Amino acid sequence: MSHHPTDFEGSVLDALRASIVEKLPDAEVEANGGGGHFTLRVVSSAFAGKSMVECHRLVLSSIAHLMKGDRAPVHAIDSLVTKAR
């Protein structure tokens, strides 16, 4: 795991999960990683009928605030898997 400097306090994994569920209330979210690099697996009925790009945009827009700035807690999403319920 690499080191990524951040001023964020608390659990980044919990913040990722909470931010995604806030935008996609029925989502089942698996978040793993650390050091600024994370993997996500998200299952939601909101993905039904959407392309992979549309699904990824939904997820990434929900966590954009965690990726903003020089000392953001999330540097990269190394893997993002989305599935419709």
Protein backbone atom coordinates (compact mmCIF):
# COMPACT_ATOMS: atom_id res chain seq x y z
CA MET A 1 0.00 0.00 0.00
CA SER A 2 1.40 3.38 -0.94
CA HIS A 3 1.36 6.45 1.25
CA HIS A 4 -0.80 9.35 0.16
CA PRO A 5 -0.68 12.51 2.30
CA THR A 6 -4.10 13.78 3.33
CA ASP A 7 -5.68 15.95 5.99
CA PHE A 8 -8.80 13.77 6.04
CA GLU A 9 -9.80 12.50 9.47
CA GLY A 10 -11.77 9.32 9.93
CA SER A 11 -12.26 6.23 7.82
CA VAL A 12 -11.93 6.85 4.09
CA LEU A 13 -13.60 3.49 3.40
CA ASP A 14 -16.61 4.51 5.49
CA ALA A 15 -16.71 7.91 3.74
CA LEU A 16 -16.68 6.21 0.32
CA ARG A 17 -19.51 3.85 1.29
CA ALA A 18 -21.61 6.63 2.86
CA SER A 19 -21.17 8.97 -0.11
CA ILE A 20 -22.23 6.31 -2.60
CA VAL A 21 -25.26 5.24 -0.54
CA GLU A 22 -26.27 8.89 -0.17
CA LYS A 23 -26.61 9.16 -3.95
CA LEU A 24 -27.74 5.54 -4.55
CA PRO A 25 -29.78 4.61 -1.45
CA ASP A 26 -30.26 0.94 -2.35
CA ALA A 27 -26.59 0.37 -3.17
CA GLU A 28 -24.56 -2.48 -1.76
CA VAL A 29 -21.00 -1.15 -1.61
CA GLU A 30 -17.74 -3.02 -1.12
CA ALA A 31 -14.80 -0.65 -0.67
CA ASN A 32 -11.22 -1.79 -0.13
CA GLY A 33 -7.78 -0.26 -0.22
CA GLY A 34 -5.84 2.54 1.39
CA GLY A 35 -2.96 4.88 0.84
CA GLY A 36 -5.10 6.89 -1.57
CA HIS A 37 -5.84 3.91 -3.86
CA PHE A 38 -9.15 2.08 -3.62
CA THR A 39 -11.29 -0.56 -5.30
CA LEU A 40 -15.09 -0.38 -5.37
CA ARG A 41 -17.84 -2.84 -6.18
CA VAL A 42 -21.32 -1.34 -6.27
CA VAL A 43 -24.64 -3.11 -6.89
CA SER A 44 -27.73 -0.93 -7.36
CA SER A 45 -31.06 -0.95 -9.16
CA ALA A 46 -30.14 2.54 -10.41
CA PHE A 47 -27.77 0.89 -12.90
CA ALA A 48 -30.54 -1.02 -14.70
CA GLY A 49 -30.60 -0.10 -18.38
CA LYS A 50 -27.51 2.10 -18.14
CA SER A 51 -24.19 1.67 -19.90
CA MET A 52 -21.03 0.92 -17.93
CA VAL A 53 -19.86 4.50 -18.49
CA GLU A 54 -23.15 5.89 -17.12
CA CYS A 55 -22.90 3.63 -14.06
CA HIS A 56 -19.30 4.64 -13.40
CA ARG A 57 -20.20 8.31 -13.73
CA LEU A 58 -22.94 7.90 -11.11
CA VAL A 59 -20.51 6.36 -8.65
CA LEU A 60 -17.62 8.73 -9.38
CA SER A 61 -19.85 11.80 -9.11
CA SER A 62 -20.93 10.64 -5.65
CA ILE A 63 -17.33 10.52 -4.40
CA ALA A 64 -15.90 13.48 -6.35
CA HIS A 65 -15.58 15.57 -3.18
CA LEU A 66 -13.26 12.90 -1.73
CA MET A 67 -11.00 13.18 -4.79
CA LYS A 68 -10.79 16.98 -4.97
CA GLY A 69 -7.66 18.90 -4.01
CA ASP A 70 -3.99 18.24 -3.47
CA ARG A 71 -4.47 16.41 -0.17
CA ALA A 72 -7.68 14.56 -1.01
CA PRO A 73 -8.09 11.21 0.78
CA VAL A 74 -8.79 9.41 -2.50
CA HIS A 75 -6.08 9.63 -5.14
CA ALA A 76 -7.35 6.88 -7.45
CA ILE A 77 -10.05 4.30 -7.92
CA ASP A 78 -7.96 1.44 -9.27
CA SER A 79 -10.94 -0.81 -9.96
CA LEU A 80 -14.65 0.00 -10.20
CA VAL A 81 -17.19 -2.73 -10.80
CA THR A 82 -20.87 -1.80 -11.12
CA LYS A 83 -23.74 -4.25 -11.39
CA ALA A 84 -27.48 -3.79 -11.71
CA ARG A 85 -29.67 -5.40 -9.07
